[in-house]
Amino acid sequence: DGNKQCNVLPPSLLEALDSLRTLGDEDCDSEVELLKQELLGELEAAKHKRDKIHYEKIKKKGLGDVERLRKRIIEKSRLSTNKAKNEAKQRELKAKLALLRAQQQLSDTQNQQESSRPNCKVADEKVIDVQKRLEAMQVLAKHQLRQVQDHEKENAEVLLQEEMMKQRKMCFNKERSTFRQEQRQQKLIAQQEAEDKMTRERELQLERLSFLAMSCPYQKKIADLSADIHKSTNARQNDFFRRQSDLADFQLDRHTSFTDEKIFSDKKFRLANSLHEAGINKTIAARDVIRNVIPRTEERTTGIKPY
């Protein structure tokens, strides 16, 4: 039921929209259709919200939009009707005025004809001329009215075509965005599948390496070995053909450095070692102590102080 409500307008909204179609012309139908598409778009955009409260909110908003559109259509129809009535009334008044003028001219001509019989022929010609001009004016008024109606019809057709083009463009843009989204989704799926495949291959390779390591007879001995940097190798120990060995003195058990007793017999070293162990070897007090215990003179050539 939630999916059906998100895809179809409520019956009350459909009835209200159908009632609007009987109020106006083609422009009214296009506006009604546009409002219907907007409402369907809102329902489509809110498809993930399937609760009844959100559905009622959209329904209430749609009824409000329909009511506002109804008032706008009625006002537009009333204005167009009043405009048409005023124009017709103006044309009627102009025609009556022209007719009154013609009658006035005709009566004047008749009076002149009665007053002057010799000019009767000229008066008849004037009457005929006035009648012809009146007929021409009526024909011209009808032609102008027909032109105005044709122009309004052409404008309505142009607006309808523009609206149809706009709707087609919106549909095309929607299809294009949907296609791009599908392509992006397929690309992401392909990337995920490639990553999963690489992960499976890596795990399979590790399993094969582990199985190969387990099959080695001395694998346990290799795993338990520990490095000894002070230990020599058999190749170094059996290298009897070198005149000068590349091994270090401690590797050949030759100790050429001083012993601990020899080093700590120097009072200067014991002082420096004590200051370093106490963590005050870089302080000003330590510098003063060293300056007093180990006096040094300035450099003879540069004059640089030793401390």
C-alpha atoms as a PDB file:
ATOM      1  CA  ASP A   1       0.000   0.000   0.000  1.00  0.00           C
ATOM      2  CA  GLY A   2       2.882   2.394   0.717  1.00  0.00           C
ATOM      3  CA  ASN A   3       4.386   1.797  -2.742  1.00  0.00           C
ATOM      4  CA  LYS A   4       0.994   2.303  -4.443  1.00  0.00           C
ATOM      5  CA  GLN A   5       0.413   5.570  -2.578  1.00  0.00           C
ATOM      6  CA  CYS A   6       3.861   6.827  -3.592  1.00  0.00           C
ATOM      7  CA  ASN A   7       3.220   6.106  -7.278  1.00  0.00           C
ATOM      8  CA  VAL A   8      -0.458   7.235  -7.674  1.00  0.00           C
ATOM      9  CA  LEU A   9      -2.112  10.508  -6.678  1.00  0.00           C
ATOM     10  CA  PRO A  10      -4.978  10.368  -4.168  1.00  0.00           C
ATOM     11  CA  PRO A  11      -8.508  10.161  -5.691  1.00  0.00           C
ATOM     12  CA  SER A  12      -9.485  13.512  -4.208  1.00  0.00           C
ATOM     13  CA  LEU A  13      -6.528  15.184  -5.912  1.00  0.00           C
ATOM     14  CA  LEU A  14      -7.345  13.517  -9.239  1.00  0.00           C
ATOM     15  CA  GLU A  15     -10.967  14.664  -9.037  1.00  0.00           C
ATOM     16  CA  ALA A  16      -9.878  18.226  -8.189  1.00  0.00           C
ATOM     17  CA  LEU A  17      -7.449  18.262 -11.137  1.00  0.00           C
ATOM     18  CA  ASP A  18     -10.116  16.929 -13.524  1.00  0.00           C
ATOM     19  CA  SER A  19     -12.530  19.598 -12.332  1.00  0.00           C
ATOM     20  CA  LEU A  20      -9.996  22.283 -13.254  1.00  0.00           C
ATOM     21  CA  ARG A  21      -9.897  21.140 -16.887  1.00  0.00           C
ATOM     22  CA  THR A  22     -13.496  22.270 -17.399  1.00  0.00           C
ATOM     23  CA  LEU A  23     -12.768  25.826 -16.264  1.00  0.00           C
ATOM     24  CA  GLY A  24     -10.373  27.089 -18.936  1.00  0.00           C
ATOM     25  CA  ASP A  25      -8.814  26.489 -22.312  1.00  0.00           C
ATOM     26  CA  GLU A  26      -5.660  24.751 -23.509  1.00  0.00           C
ATOM     27  CA  ASP A  27      -3.463  26.946 -21.277  1.00  0.00           C
ATOM     28  CA  CYS A  28      -5.476  25.724 -18.298  1.00  0.00           C
ATOM     29  CA  ASP A  29      -4.945  22.085 -19.346  1.00  0.00           C
ATOM     30  CA  SER A  30      -1.202  22.606 -19.620  1.00  0.00           C
ATOM     31  CA  GLU A  31      -1.031  24.207 -16.159  1.00  0.00           C
ATOM     32  CA  VAL A  32      -3.101  21.360 -14.681  1.00  0.00           C
ATOM     33  CA  GLU A  33      -0.851  18.778 -16.312  1.00  0.00           C
ATOM     34  CA  LEU A  34       2.261  20.579 -15.037  1.00  0.00           C
ATOM     35  CA  LEU A  35       0.869  20.640 -11.472  1.00  0.00           C
ATOM     36  CA  LYS A  36       0.065  16.932 -11.749  1.00  0.00           C
ATOM     37  CA  GLN A  37       3.610  16.152 -12.852  1.00  0.00           C
ATOM     38  CA  GLU A  38       5.028  18.215  -9.939  1.00  0.00           C
ATOM     39  CA  LEU A  39       2.889  16.310  -7.430  1.00  0.00           C
ATOM     40  CA  LEU A  40       3.942  12.982  -8.929  1.00  0.00           C
ATOM     41  CA  GLY A  41       7.561  14.137  -8.750  1.00  0.00           C
ATOM     42  CA  GLU A  42       7.212  14.957  -5.047  1.00  0.00           C
ATOM     43  CA  LEU A  43       5.693  11.534  -4.376  1.00  0.00           C
ATOM     44  CA  GLU A  44       8.481   9.869  -6.371  1.00  0.00           C
ATOM     45  CA  ALA A  45      11.190  11.852  -4.517  1.00  0.00           C
ATOM     46  CA  ALA A  46       9.694  10.935  -1.128  1.00  0.00           C
ATOM     47  CA  LYS A  47       9.231   7.246  -1.949  1.00  0.00           C
ATOM     48  CA  HIS A  48      11.473   6.173   0.971  1.00  0.00           C
ATOM     49  CA  LYS A  49       9.056   7.879   3.409  1.00  0.00           C
ATOM     50  CA  ARG A  50       6.151   5.469   3.420  1.00  0.00           C
ATOM     51  CA  ASP A  51       4.330   6.701   6.515  1.00  0.00           C
ATOM     52  CA  LYS A  52       0.769   7.932   6.325  1.00  0.00           C
ATOM     53  CA  ILE A  53       1.589  11.335   7.880  1.00  0.00           C
ATOM     54  CA  HIS A  54       3.988  12.275   5.043  1.00  0.00           C
ATOM     55  CA  TYR A  55       1.421  11.057   2.498  1.00  0.00           C
ATOM     56  CA  GLU A  56      -1.292  13.224   4.067  1.00  0.00           C
ATOM     57  CA  LYS A  57       1.052  16.250   4.055  1.00  0.00           C
ATOM     58  CA  ILE A  58       1.642  15.866   0.310  1.00  0.00           C
ATOM     59  CA  LYS A  59      -2.109  15.378  -0.221  1.00  0.00           C
ATOM     60  CA  LYS A  60      -2.935  18.539   1.785  1.00  0.00           C
ATOM     61  CA  LYS A  61      -0.289  20.559  -0.077  1.00  0.00           C
ATOM     62  CA  GLY A  62      -1.622  19.277  -3.434  1.00  0.00           C
ATOM     63  CA  LEU A  63      -5.192  20.308  -2.556  1.00  0.00           C
ATOM     64  CA  GLY A  64      -3.927  23.771  -1.617  1.00  0.00           C
ATOM     65  CA  ASP A  65      -2.065  24.084  -4.929  1.00  0.00           C
ATOM     66  CA  VAL A  66      -5.194  22.958  -6.820  1.00  0.00           C
ATOM     67  CA  GLU A  67      -7.327  25.535  -5.012  1.00  0.00           C
ATOM     68  CA  ARG A  68      -4.852  28.328  -5.784  1.00  0.00           C
ATOM     69  CA  LEU A  69      -4.701  27.228  -9.422  1.00  0.00           C
ATOM     70  CA  ARG A  70      -8.523  27.187  -9.545  1.00  0.00           C
ATOM     71  CA  LYS A  71      -8.709  30.765  -8.274  1.00  0.00           C
ATOM     72  CA  ARG A  72      -6.037  31.874 -10.745  1.00  0.00           C
ATOM     73  CA  ILE A  73      -7.840  30.201 -13.672  1.00  0.00           C
ATOM     74  CA  ILE A  74     -11.209  31.698 -12.661  1.00  0.00           C
ATOM     75  CA  GLU A  75      -9.647  35.160 -12.315  1.00  0.00           C
ATOM     76  CA  LYS A  76      -7.908  34.790 -15.675  1.00  0.00           C
ATOM     77  CA  SER A  77     -11.145  33.620 -17.327  1.00  0.00           C
ATOM     78  CA  ARG A  78     -13.072  36.496 -15.774  1.00  0.00           C
ATOM     79  CA  LEU A  79     -10.511  39.039 -16.979  1.00  0.00           C
ATOM     80  CA  SER A  80     -10.466  37.588 -20.504  1.00  0.00           C
ATOM     81  CA  THR A  81     -14.283  37.516 -20.579  1.00  0.00           C
ATOM     82  CA  ASN A  82     -14.522  41.126 -19.384  1.00  0.00           C
ATOM     83  CA  LYS A  83     -11.909  42.154 -21.920  1.00  0.00           C
ATOM     84  CA  ALA A  84     -13.780  40.430 -24.749  1.00  0.00           C
ATOM     85  CA  LYS A  85     -17.044  41.994 -23.611  1.00  0.00           C
ATOM     86  CA  ASN A  86     -15.497  45.461 -23.458  1.00  0.00           C
ATOM     87  CA  GLU A  87     -13.981  45.087 -26.911  1.00  0.00           C
ATOM     88  CA  ALA A  88     -17.294  43.842 -28.338  1.00  0.00           C
ATOM     89  CA  LYS A  89     -19.114  46.665 -26.643  1.00  0.00           C
ATOM     90  CA  GLN A  90     -16.658  49.212 -28.033  1.00  0.00           C
ATOM     91  CA  ARG A  91     -17.055  47.805 -31.533  1.00  0.00           C
ATOM     92  CA  GLU A  92     -20.835  47.860 -31.131  1.00  0.00           C
ATOM     93  CA  LEU A  93     -20.763  51.467 -29.952  1.00  0.00           C
ATOM     94  CA  LYS A  94     -18.519  52.433 -32.853  1.00  0.00           C
ATOM     95  CA  ALA A  95     -20.848  50.687 -35.264  1.00  0.00           C
ATOM     96  CA  LYS A  96     -23.879  52.431 -33.711  1.00  0.00           C
ATOM     97  CA  LEU A  97     -22.079  55.767 -33.858  1.00  0.00           C
ATOM     98  CA  ALA A  98     -21.197  55.190 -37.486  1.00  0.00           C
ATOM     99  CA  LEU A  99     -24.778  54.131 -38.180  1.00  0.00           C
ATOM    100  CA  LEU A 100     -26.137  57.235 -36.421  1.00  0.00           C
ATOM    101  CA  ARG A 101     -23.776  59.408 -38.390  1.00  0.00           C
ATOM    102  CA  ALA A 102     -24.862  57.693 -41.574  1.00  0.00           C
ATOM    103  CA  GLN A 103     -28.503  58.148 -40.654  1.00  0.00           C
ATOM    104  CA  GLN A 104     -27.809  61.760 -39.795  1.00  0.00           C
ATOM    105  CA  GLN A 105     -26.108  62.237 -43.115  1.00  0.00           C
ATOM    106  CA  LEU A 106     -28.980  60.412 -44.796  1.00  0.00           C
ATOM    107  CA  SER A 107     -31.557  62.614 -43.092  1.00  0.00           C
ATOM    108  CA  ASP A 108     -29.559  65.702 -43.979  1.00  0.00           C
ATOM    109  CA  THR A 109     -29.378  64.502 -47.536  1.00  0.00           C
ATOM    110  CA  GLN A 110     -33.126  63.872 -47.610  1.00  0.00           C
ATOM    111  CA  ASN A 111     -33.782  67.338 -46.196  1.00  0.00           C
ATOM    112  CA  GLN A 112     -31.544  68.865 -48.773  1.00  0.00           C
ATOM    113  CA  GLN A 113     -33.284  66.778 -51.424  1.00  0.00           C
ATOM    114  CA  GLU A 114     -36.653  68.023 -50.333  1.00  0.00           C
ATOM    115  CA  SER A 115     -35.416  71.587 -50.200  1.00  0.00           C
ATOM    116  CA  SER A 116     -33.701  71.379 -53.536  1.00  0.00           C
ATOM    117  CA  ARG A 117     -35.193  68.975 -56.038  1.00  0.00           C
ATOM    118  CA  PRO A 118     -32.633  69.782 -58.720  1.00  0.00           C
ATOM    119  CA  ASN A 119     -29.852  68.307 -56.541  1.00  0.00           C
ATOM    120  CA  CYS A 120     -31.714  65.046 -55.965  1.00  0.00           C
ATOM    121  CA  LYS A 121     -29.369  63.041 -58.122  1.00  0.00           C
ATOM    122  CA  VAL A 122     -26.300  64.268 -56.219  1.00  0.00           C
ATOM    123  CA  ALA A 123     -27.956  63.462 -52.877  1.00  0.00           C
ATOM    124  CA  ASP A 124     -28.755  59.953 -54.041  1.00  0.00           C
ATOM    125  CA  GLU A 125     -25.151  59.433 -54.987  1.00  0.00           C
ATOM    126  CA  LYS A 126     -24.014  60.695 -51.580  1.00  0.00           C
ATOM    127  CA  VAL A 127     -26.429  58.322 -49.841  1.00  0.00           C
ATOM    128  CA  ILE A 128     -25.124  55.408 -51.857  1.00  0.00           C
ATOM    129  CA  ASP A 129     -21.568  56.475 -51.082  1.00  0.00           C
ATOM    130  CA  VAL A 130     -22.309  56.661 -47.348  1.00  0.00           C
ATOM    131  CA  GLN A 131     -23.933  53.237 -47.407  1.00  0.00           C
ATOM    132  CA  LYS A 132     -20.937  51.783 -49.198  1.00  0.00           C
ATOM    133  CA  ARG A 133     -18.572  53.350 -46.703  1.00  0.00           C
ATOM    134  CA  LEU A 134     -20.664  51.964 -43.832  1.00  0.00           C
ATOM    135  CA  GLU A 135     -20.553  48.470 -45.328  1.00  0.00           C
ATOM    136  CA  ALA A 136     -16.794  48.780 -45.846  1.00  0.00           C
ATOM    137  CA  MET A 137     -16.335  49.820 -42.215  1.00  0.00           C
ATOM    138  CA  GLN A 138     -18.363  46.814 -41.041  1.00  0.00           C
ATOM    139  CA  VAL A 139     -16.333  44.465 -43.235  1.00  0.00           C
ATOM    140  CA  LEU A 140     -13.110  46.023 -41.927  1.00  0.00           C
ATOM    141  CA  ALA A 141     -14.238  45.607 -38.306  1.00  0.00           C
ATOM    142  CA  LYS A 142     -15.062  41.939 -38.907  1.00  0.00           C
ATOM    143  CA  HIS A 143     -11.695  41.409 -40.549  1.00  0.00           C
ATOM    144  CA  GLN A 144      -9.848  43.039 -37.644  1.00  0.00           C
ATOM    145  CA  LEU A 145     -11.788  40.888 -35.156  1.00  0.00           C
ATOM    146  CA  ARG A 146     -10.884  37.758 -37.124  1.00  0.00           C
ATOM    147  CA  GLN A 147      -7.211  38.784 -37.132  1.00  0.00           C
ATOM    148  CA  VAL A 148      -7.236  39.276 -33.356  1.00  0.00           C
ATOM    149  CA  GLN A 149      -8.775  35.825 -32.846  1.00  0.00           C
ATOM    150  CA  ASP A 150      -6.260  34.195 -35.179  1.00  0.00           C
ATOM    151  CA  HIS A 151      -3.386  35.920 -33.370  1.00  0.00           C
ATOM    152  CA  GLU A 152      -4.633  34.722 -29.977  1.00  0.00           C
ATOM    153  CA  LYS A 153      -4.970  31.194 -31.328  1.00  0.00           C
ATOM    154  CA  GLU A 154      -1.422  31.267 -32.722  1.00  0.00           C
ATOM    155  CA  ASN A 155      -0.093  32.519 -29.366  1.00  0.00           C
ATOM    156  CA  ALA A 156      -1.877  29.694 -27.559  1.00  0.00           C
ATOM    157  CA  GLU A 157      -0.400  27.136 -29.965  1.00  0.00           C
ATOM    158  CA  VAL A 158       3.097  28.574 -29.520  1.00  0.00           C
ATOM    159  CA  LEU A 159       2.793  28.430 -25.727  1.00  0.00           C
ATOM    160  CA  LEU A 160       1.531  24.859 -25.928  1.00  0.00           C
ATOM    161  CA  GLN A 161       4.447  23.841 -28.156  1.00  0.00           C
ATOM    162  CA  GLU A 162       6.928  25.501 -25.797  1.00  0.00           C
ATOM    163  CA  GLU A 163       5.405  23.658 -22.848  1.00  0.00           C
ATOM    164  CA  MET A 164       5.564  20.348 -24.717  1.00  0.00           C
ATOM    165  CA  MET A 165       9.217  20.983 -25.613  1.00  0.00           C
ATOM    166  CA  LYS A 166       9.946  21.779 -21.978  1.00  0.00           C
ATOM    167  CA  GLN A 167       8.292  18.536 -20.859  1.00  0.00           C
ATOM    168  CA  ARG A 168      10.245  16.521 -23.446  1.00  0.00           C
ATOM    169  CA  LYS A 169      13.492  18.163 -22.355  1.00  0.00           C
ATOM    170  CA  MET A 170      12.757  17.354 -18.712  1.00  0.00           C
ATOM    171  CA  CYS A 171      12.075  13.716 -19.620  1.00  0.00           C
ATOM    172  CA  PHE A 172      15.300  13.559 -21.663  1.00  0.00           C
ATOM    173  CA  ASN A 173      17.347  15.050 -18.819  1.00  0.00           C
ATOM    174  CA  LYS A 174      15.803  12.603 -16.378  1.00  0.00           C
ATOM    175  CA  GLU A 175      16.646   9.647 -18.633  1.00  0.00           C
ATOM    176  CA  ARG A 176      20.205  10.919 -19.097  1.00  0.00           C
ATOM    177  CA  SER A 177      20.761  11.357 -15.347  1.00  0.00           C
ATOM    178  CA  THR A 178      19.311   7.897 -14.718  1.00  0.00           C
ATOM    179  CA  PHE A 179      21.634   6.388 -17.343  1.00  0.00           C
ATOM    180  CA  ARG A 180      24.669   8.113 -15.807  1.00  0.00           C
ATOM    181  CA  GLN A 181      23.715   6.904 -12.358  1.00  0.00           C
ATOM    182  CA  GLU A 182      23.369   3.337 -13.631  1.00  0.00           C
ATOM    183  CA  GLN A 183      26.766   3.559 -15.364  1.00  0.00           C
ATOM    184  CA  ARG A 184      28.369   4.872 -12.164  1.00  0.00           C
ATOM    185  CA  GLN A 185      26.745   2.099 -10.145  1.00  0.00           C
ATOM    186  CA  GLN A 186      27.979  -0.552 -12.596  1.00  0.00           C
ATOM    187  CA  LYS A 187      31.496   0.903 -12.420  1.00  0.00           C
ATOM    188  CA  LEU A 188      31.462   0.770  -8.617  1.00  0.00           C
ATOM    189  CA  ILE A 189      30.205  -2.820  -8.715  1.00  0.00           C
ATOM    190  CA  ALA A 190      32.963  -3.776 -11.185  1.00  0.00           C
ATOM    191  CA  GLN A 191      35.609  -2.144  -8.971  1.00  0.00           C
ATOM    192  CA  GLN A 192      34.268  -3.950  -5.911  1.00  0.00           C
ATOM    193  CA  GLU A 193      34.299  -7.264  -7.769  1.00  0.00           C
ATOM    194  CA  ALA A 194      37.905  -6.657  -8.897  1.00  0.00           C
ATOM    195  CA  GLU A 195      38.958  -5.848  -5.325  1.00  0.00           C
ATOM    196  CA  ASP A 196      37.207  -8.961  -4.022  1.00  0.00           C
ATOM    197  CA  LYS A 197      38.927 -11.053  -6.694  1.00  0.00           C
ATOM    198  CA  MET A 198      42.360  -9.609  -5.785  1.00  0.00           C
ATOM    199  CA  THR A 199      41.664 -10.272  -2.095  1.00  0.00           C
ATOM    200  CA  ARG A 200      40.704 -13.887  -2.817  1.00  0.00           C
ATOM    201  CA  GLU A 201      43.814 -14.372  -4.953  1.00  0.00           C
ATOM    202  CA  ARG A 202      46.011 -12.862  -2.212  1.00  0.00           C
ATOM    203  CA  GLU A 203      44.461 -15.134   0.421  1.00  0.00           C
ATOM    204  CA  LEU A 204      44.909 -18.153  -1.841  1.00  0.00           C
ATOM    205  CA  GLN A 205      48.556 -17.219  -2.440  1.00  0.00           C
ATOM    206  CA  LEU A 206      49.162 -16.881   1.308  1.00  0.00           C
ATOM    207  CA  GLU A 207      47.539 -20.274   1.875  1.00  0.00           C
ATOM    208  CA  ARG A 208      49.787 -21.838  -0.756  1.00  0.00           C
ATOM    209  CA  LEU A 209      52.894 -20.202   0.763  1.00  0.00           C
ATOM    210  CA  SER A 210      51.874 -21.375   4.232  1.00  0.00           C
ATOM    211  CA  PHE A 211      51.333 -24.910   2.930  1.00  0.00           C
ATOM    212  CA  LEU A 212      54.723 -24.790   1.166  1.00  0.00           C
ATOM    213  CA  ALA A 213      56.416 -23.552   4.351  1.00  0.00           C
ATOM    214  CA  MET A 214      54.764 -26.315   6.404  1.00  0.00           C
ATOM    215  CA  SER A 215      56.048 -28.925   3.954  1.00  0.00           C
ATOM    216  CA  CYS A 216      59.690 -27.844   4.561  1.00  0.00           C
ATOM    217  CA  PRO A 217      61.439 -30.354   6.944  1.00  0.00           C
ATOM    218  CA  TYR A 218      63.466 -27.684   8.795  1.00  0.00           C
ATOM    219  CA  GLN A 219      60.699 -25.058   8.949  1.00  0.00           C
ATOM    220  CA  LYS A 220      60.422 -25.267  12.751  1.00  0.00           C
ATOM    221  CA  LYS A 221      64.174 -24.745  13.200  1.00  0.00           C
ATOM    222  CA  ILE A 222      64.101 -21.672  10.947  1.00  0.00           C
ATOM    223  CA  ALA A 223      61.143 -20.216  12.867  1.00  0.00           C
ATOM    224  CA  ASP A 224      62.952 -20.655  16.228  1.00  0.00           C
ATOM    225  CA  LEU A 225      66.242 -19.086  15.097  1.00  0.00           C
ATOM    226  CA  SER A 226      67.344 -15.745  16.579  1.00  0.00           C
ATOM    227  CA  ALA A 227      69.889 -13.306  15.144  1.00  0.00           C
ATOM    228  CA  ASP A 228      73.310 -12.815  16.786  1.00  0.00           C
ATOM    229  CA  ILE A 229      75.273  -9.881  15.369  1.00  0.00           C
ATOM    230  CA  HIS A 230      78.413 -10.773  17.354  1.00  0.00           C
ATOM    231  CA  LYS A 231      78.627 -14.275  15.970  1.00  0.00           C
ATOM    232  CA  SER A 232      80.846 -15.056  13.001  1.00  0.00           C
ATOM    233  CA  THR A 233      80.094 -17.441  10.157  1.00  0.00           C
ATOM    234  CA  ASN A 234      81.808 -20.677   9.145  1.00  0.00           C
ATOM    235  CA  ALA A 235      82.913 -19.100   5.892  1.00  0.00           C
ATOM    236  CA  ARG A 236      84.707 -16.318   7.763  1.00  0.00           C
ATOM    237  CA  GLN A 237      86.290 -18.691  10.248  1.00  0.00           C
ATOM    238  CA  ASN A 238      87.563 -21.033   7.516  1.00  0.00           C
ATOM    239  CA  ASP A 239      88.920 -18.236   5.332  1.00  0.00           C
ATOM    240  CA  PHE A 240      92.594 -19.164   5.619  1.00  0.00           C
ATOM    241  CA  PHE A 241      93.684 -17.812   2.232  1.00  0.00           C
ATOM    242  CA  ARG A 242      93.224 -14.101   2.889  1.00  0.00           C
ATOM    243  CA  ARG A 243      96.330 -12.171   3.855  1.00  0.00           C
ATOM    244  CA  GLN A 244      94.275  -9.538   5.710  1.00  0.00           C
ATOM    245  CA  SER A 245      91.059 -10.568   7.398  1.00  0.00           C
ATOM    246  CA  ASP A 246      87.923  -8.410   7.054  1.00  0.00           C
ATOM    247  CA  LEU A 247      86.638  -9.415  10.464  1.00  0.00           C
ATOM    248  CA  ALA A 248      86.418  -6.907  13.295  1.00  0.00           C
ATOM    249  CA  ASP A 249      88.737  -7.095  16.272  1.00  0.00           C
ATOM    250  CA  PHE A 250      86.001  -8.252  18.645  1.00  0.00           C
ATOM    251  CA  GLN A 251      85.110 -11.067  16.185  1.00  0.00           C
ATOM    252  CA  LEU A 252      88.740 -12.248  16.300  1.00  0.00           C
ATOM    253  CA  ASP A 253      88.803 -11.922  20.120  1.00  0.00           C
ATOM    254  CA  ARG A 254      91.302  -9.059  19.929  1.00  0.00           C
ATOM    255  CA  HIS A 255      90.534  -6.304  22.434  1.00  0.00           C
ATOM    256  CA  THR A 256      92.521  -3.120  21.766  1.00  0.00           C
ATOM    257  CA  SER A 257      90.416  -0.643  23.791  1.00  0.00           C
ATOM    258  CA  PHE A 258      90.856   0.506  27.420  1.00  0.00           C
ATOM    259  CA  THR A 259      89.381  -1.448  30.295  1.00  0.00           C
ATOM    260  CA  ASP A 260      86.725  -0.090  32.627  1.00  0.00           C
ATOM    261  CA  GLU A 261      89.262   0.358  35.432  1.00  0.00           C
ATOM    262  CA  LYS A 262      91.533   2.352  33.135  1.00  0.00           C
ATOM    263  CA  ILE A 263      88.716   4.637  31.928  1.00  0.00           C
ATOM    264  CA  PHE A 264      87.201   5.327  35.368  1.00  0.00           C
ATOM    265  CA  SER A 265      90.615   6.050  36.830  1.00  0.00           C
ATOM    266  CA  ASP A 266      90.452   9.505  35.158  1.00  0.00           C
ATOM    267  CA  LYS A 267      88.722  12.034  37.450  1.00  0.00           C
ATOM    268  CA  LYS A 268      87.582  14.119  34.452  1.00  0.00           C
ATOM    269  CA  PHE A 269      85.689  11.175  32.959  1.00  0.00           C
ATOM    270  CA  ARG A 270      84.143  10.322  36.340  1.00  0.00           C
ATOM    271  CA  LEU A 271      82.917  13.927  36.668  1.00  0.00           C
ATOM    272  CA  ALA A 272      81.403  13.987  33.178  1.00  0.00           C
ATOM    273  CA  ASN A 273      79.793  10.574  33.722  1.00  0.00           C
ATOM    274  CA  SER A 274      78.252  11.667  37.043  1.00  0.00           C
ATOM    275  CA  LEU A 275      76.826  14.860  35.520  1.00  0.00           C
ATOM    276  CA  HIS A 276      75.404  12.903  32.592  1.00  0.00           C
ATOM    277  CA  GLU A 277      73.770  10.273  34.836  1.00  0.00           C
ATOM    278  CA  ALA A 278      72.257  13.034  36.984  1.00  0.00           C
ATOM    279  CA  GLY A 279      70.795  14.675  33.851  1.00  0.00           C
ATOM    280  CA  ILE A 280      72.394  18.080  34.506  1.00  0.00           C
ATOM    281  CA  ASN A 281      75.226  17.910  32.024  1.00  0.00           C
ATOM    282  CA  LYS A 282      73.761  20.738  29.859  1.00  0.00           C
ATOM    283  CA  THR A 283      73.038  23.199  32.658  1.00  0.00           C
ATOM    284  CA  ILE A 284      74.942  26.397  33.505  1.00  0.00           C
ATOM    285  CA  ALA A 285      76.036  25.001  36.892  1.00  0.00           C
ATOM    286  CA  ALA A 286      77.602  21.928  35.193  1.00  0.00           C
ATOM    287  CA  ARG A 287      79.448  24.213  32.799  1.00  0.00           C
ATOM    288  CA  ASP A 288      80.852  26.266  35.675  1.00  0.00           C
ATOM    289  CA  VAL A 289      81.991  23.105  37.487  1.00  0.00           C
ATOM    290  CA  ILE A 290      83.774  21.796  34.371  1.00  0.00           C
ATOM    291  CA  ARG A 291      85.364  25.221  33.814  1.00  0.00           C
ATOM    292  CA  ASN A 292      86.832  25.171  37.351  1.00  0.00           C
ATOM    293  CA  VAL A 293      87.984  21.532  37.232  1.00  0.00           C
ATOM    294  CA  ILE A 294      89.317  21.575  33.671  1.00  0.00           C
ATOM    295  CA  PRO A 295      90.679  25.086  32.999  1.00  0.00           C
ATOM    296  CA  ARG A 296      91.326  25.991  29.386  1.00  0.00           C
ATOM    297  CA  THR A 297      92.745  29.135  27.816  1.00  0.00           C
ATOM    298  CA  GLU A 298      91.409  31.097  24.894  1.00  0.00           C
ATOM    299  CA  GLU A 299      92.592  30.256  21.422  1.00  0.00           C
ATOM    300  CA  ARG A 300      95.788  32.096  20.657  1.00  0.00           C
ATOM    301  CA  THR A 301      94.887  33.043  17.057  1.00  0.00           C
ATOM    302  CA  THR A 302      91.103  33.541  17.174  1.00  0.00           C
ATOM    303  CA  GLY A 303      90.407  34.494  20.792  1.00  0.00           C
ATOM    304  CA  ILE A 304      87.396  32.147  20.957  1.00  0.00           C
ATOM    305  CA  LYS A 305      86.455  31.188  24.522  1.00  0.00           C
ATOM    306  CA  PRO A 306      86.553  27.440  25.262  1.00  0.00           C
ATOM    307  CA  TYR A 307      83.144  27.409  26.944  1.00  0.00           C
END
